[in-house]
């Protein structure tokens, strides 16, 4: 039996990602993702009856992009000069 190797598809180019993959993308736990699905902030569905719960990439993209837009702009680093004239 020959095993076919599948090519990696970037997550934004997919229709759905697993709960675990969604958690990795947003650096959160699978439980956090499930809670966002329960709140309606992420769209979760079962592609096949009785299959695993997956997250739509569209809803995940909206969540990620919204978080990036809501984040405050980065502050410039402050440099301090310490001089010892003793």
C-alpha atoms as a PDB file:
ATOM      1  CA  UNK A   1       0.000   0.000   0.000  1.00  0.00           C
ATOM      2  CA  UNK A   2       1.348   3.392  -0.990  1.00  0.00           C
ATOM      3  CA  UNK A   3       0.698   6.384   1.251  1.00  0.00           C
ATOM      4  CA  UNK A   4      -0.066   9.623  -0.561  1.00  0.00           C
ATOM      5  CA  UNK A   5       1.381  12.742   0.908  1.00  0.00           C
ATOM      6  CA  UNK A   6      -1.009  15.686   0.851  1.00  0.00           C
ATOM      7  CA  UNK A   7       0.155  19.198   0.185  1.00  0.00           C
ATOM      8  CA  UNK A   8      -0.216  21.741   2.995  1.00  0.00           C
ATOM      9  CA  UNK A   9      -2.989  24.284   2.432  1.00  0.00           C
ATOM     10  CA  UNK A  10      -2.720  27.553   4.411  1.00  0.00           C
ATOM     11  CA  UNK A  11      -5.578  27.892   6.875  1.00  0.00           C
ATOM     12  CA  UNK A  12      -6.979  31.050   5.252  1.00  0.00           C
ATOM     13  CA  UNK A  13      -7.371  29.115   1.976  1.00  0.00           C
ATOM     14  CA  UNK A  14      -9.585  26.428   3.536  1.00  0.00           C
ATOM     15  CA  UNK A  15     -13.324  26.418   4.166  1.00  0.00           C
ATOM     16  CA  UNK A  16     -13.089  24.844   7.636  1.00  0.00           C
ATOM     17  CA  UNK A  17     -10.495  24.065  10.294  1.00  0.00           C
ATOM     18  CA  UNK A  18     -10.723  21.695  13.237  1.00  0.00           C
ATOM     19  CA  UNK A  19     -11.290  22.961  16.766  1.00  0.00           C
ATOM     20  CA  UNK A  20      -7.662  22.146  17.616  1.00  0.00           C
ATOM     21  CA  UNK A  21      -6.350  23.976  14.527  1.00  0.00           C
ATOM     22  CA  UNK A  22      -8.483  27.030  15.336  1.00  0.00           C
ATOM     23  CA  UNK A  23      -7.016  27.019  18.846  1.00  0.00           C
ATOM     24  CA  UNK A  24      -3.475  26.898  17.464  1.00  0.00           C
ATOM     25  CA  UNK A  25      -4.203  29.763  15.059  1.00  0.00           C
ATOM     26  CA  UNK A  26      -5.429  32.075  17.830  1.00  0.00           C
ATOM     27  CA  UNK A  27      -3.028  30.694  20.464  1.00  0.00           C
ATOM     28  CA  UNK A  28      -5.874  29.527  22.694  1.00  0.00           C
ATOM     29  CA  UNK A  29      -7.160  26.208  23.957  1.00  0.00           C
ATOM     30  CA  UNK A  30      -9.729  24.029  22.246  1.00  0.00           C
ATOM     31  CA  UNK A  31     -12.116  24.807  25.119  1.00  0.00           C
ATOM     32  CA  UNK A  32     -11.718  28.540  24.423  1.00  0.00           C
ATOM     33  CA  UNK A  33     -12.658  27.906  20.776  1.00  0.00           C
ATOM     34  CA  UNK A  34     -15.689  25.822  21.798  1.00  0.00           C
ATOM     35  CA  UNK A  35     -16.807  28.633  24.119  1.00  0.00           C
ATOM     36  CA  UNK A  36     -16.579  31.168  21.248  1.00  0.00           C
ATOM     37  CA  UNK A  37     -18.683  28.814  19.118  1.00  0.00           C
ATOM     38  CA  UNK A  38     -21.252  28.578  21.931  1.00  0.00           C
ATOM     39  CA  UNK A  39     -21.299  32.405  22.205  1.00  0.00           C
ATOM     40  CA  UNK A  40     -21.828  32.729  18.456  1.00  0.00           C
ATOM     41  CA  UNK A  41     -18.567  34.594  17.885  1.00  0.00           C
ATOM     42  CA  UNK A  42     -17.284  31.660  15.801  1.00  0.00           C
ATOM     43  CA  UNK A  43     -19.383  29.596  13.426  1.00  0.00           C
ATOM     44  CA  UNK A  44     -19.104  25.903  14.197  1.00  0.00           C
ATOM     45  CA  UNK A  45     -20.750  23.122  12.224  1.00  0.00           C
ATOM     46  CA  UNK A  46     -20.510  19.440  11.409  1.00  0.00           C
ATOM     47  CA  UNK A  47     -19.684  18.870   7.746  1.00  0.00           C
ATOM     48  CA  UNK A  48     -21.032  15.328   7.901  1.00  0.00           C
ATOM     49  CA  UNK A  49     -23.779  14.095  10.242  1.00  0.00           C
ATOM     50  CA  UNK A  50     -22.147  12.832  13.414  1.00  0.00           C
ATOM     51  CA  UNK A  51     -18.749  14.138  12.290  1.00  0.00           C
ATOM     52  CA  UNK A  52     -16.420  16.318  14.321  1.00  0.00           C
ATOM     53  CA  UNK A  53     -17.233  19.942  15.014  1.00  0.00           C
ATOM     54  CA  UNK A  54     -15.281  22.294  12.749  1.00  0.00           C
ATOM     55  CA  UNK A  55     -14.977  26.082  12.577  1.00  0.00           C
ATOM     56  CA  UNK A  56     -15.627  28.093   9.429  1.00  0.00           C
ATOM     57  CA  UNK A  57     -12.539  29.933   8.279  1.00  0.00           C
ATOM     58  CA  UNK A  58     -14.672  32.968   7.431  1.00  0.00           C
ATOM     59  CA  UNK A  59     -15.750  33.396  11.067  1.00  0.00           C
ATOM     60  CA  UNK A  60     -12.213  32.717  12.312  1.00  0.00           C
ATOM     61  CA  UNK A  61     -10.788  35.305   9.905  1.00  0.00           C
ATOM     62  CA  UNK A  62     -13.331  37.886  11.091  1.00  0.00           C
ATOM     63  CA  UNK A  63     -12.415  37.186  14.721  1.00  0.00           C
ATOM     64  CA  UNK A  64      -8.657  37.420  14.061  1.00  0.00           C
ATOM     65  CA  UNK A  65      -8.883  40.512  11.846  1.00  0.00           C
ATOM     66  CA  UNK A  66     -11.233  42.210  14.312  1.00  0.00           C
ATOM     67  CA  UNK A  67      -8.820  41.579  17.160  1.00  0.00           C
ATOM     68  CA  UNK A  68      -5.952  43.049  15.139  1.00  0.00           C
ATOM     69  CA  UNK A  69      -7.953  46.189  14.347  1.00  0.00           C
ATOM     70  CA  UNK A  70      -9.063  46.628  17.962  1.00  0.00           C
ATOM     71  CA  UNK A  71      -5.545  46.269  19.354  1.00  0.00           C
ATOM     72  CA  UNK A  72      -3.928  49.542  20.404  1.00  0.00           C
ATOM     73  CA  UNK A  73      -1.053  50.711  18.219  1.00  0.00           C
ATOM     74  CA  UNK A  74       2.363  49.656  19.467  1.00  0.00           C
ATOM     75  CA  UNK A  75       4.116  52.255  21.594  1.00  0.00           C
ATOM     76  CA  UNK A  76       7.633  53.206  20.636  1.00  0.00           C
ATOM     77  CA  UNK A  77      10.257  51.822  22.970  1.00  0.00           C
ATOM     78  CA  UNK A  78      11.710  54.321  25.396  1.00  0.00           C
ATOM     79  CA  UNK A  79      15.456  54.413  25.701  1.00  0.00           C
ATOM     80  CA  UNK A  80      17.141  55.615  28.840  1.00  0.00           C
ATOM     81  CA  UNK A  81      20.727  56.739  29.138  1.00  0.00           C
ATOM     82  CA  UNK A  82      22.377  55.780  32.372  1.00  0.00           C
ATOM     83  CA  UNK A  83      25.638  57.560  33.127  1.00  0.00           C
ATOM     84  CA  UNK A  84      27.927  56.978  36.087  1.00  0.00           C
ATOM     85  CA  UNK A  85      30.363  59.869  36.539  1.00  0.00           C
ATOM     86  CA  UNK A  86      31.928  58.671  39.747  1.00  0.00           C
END
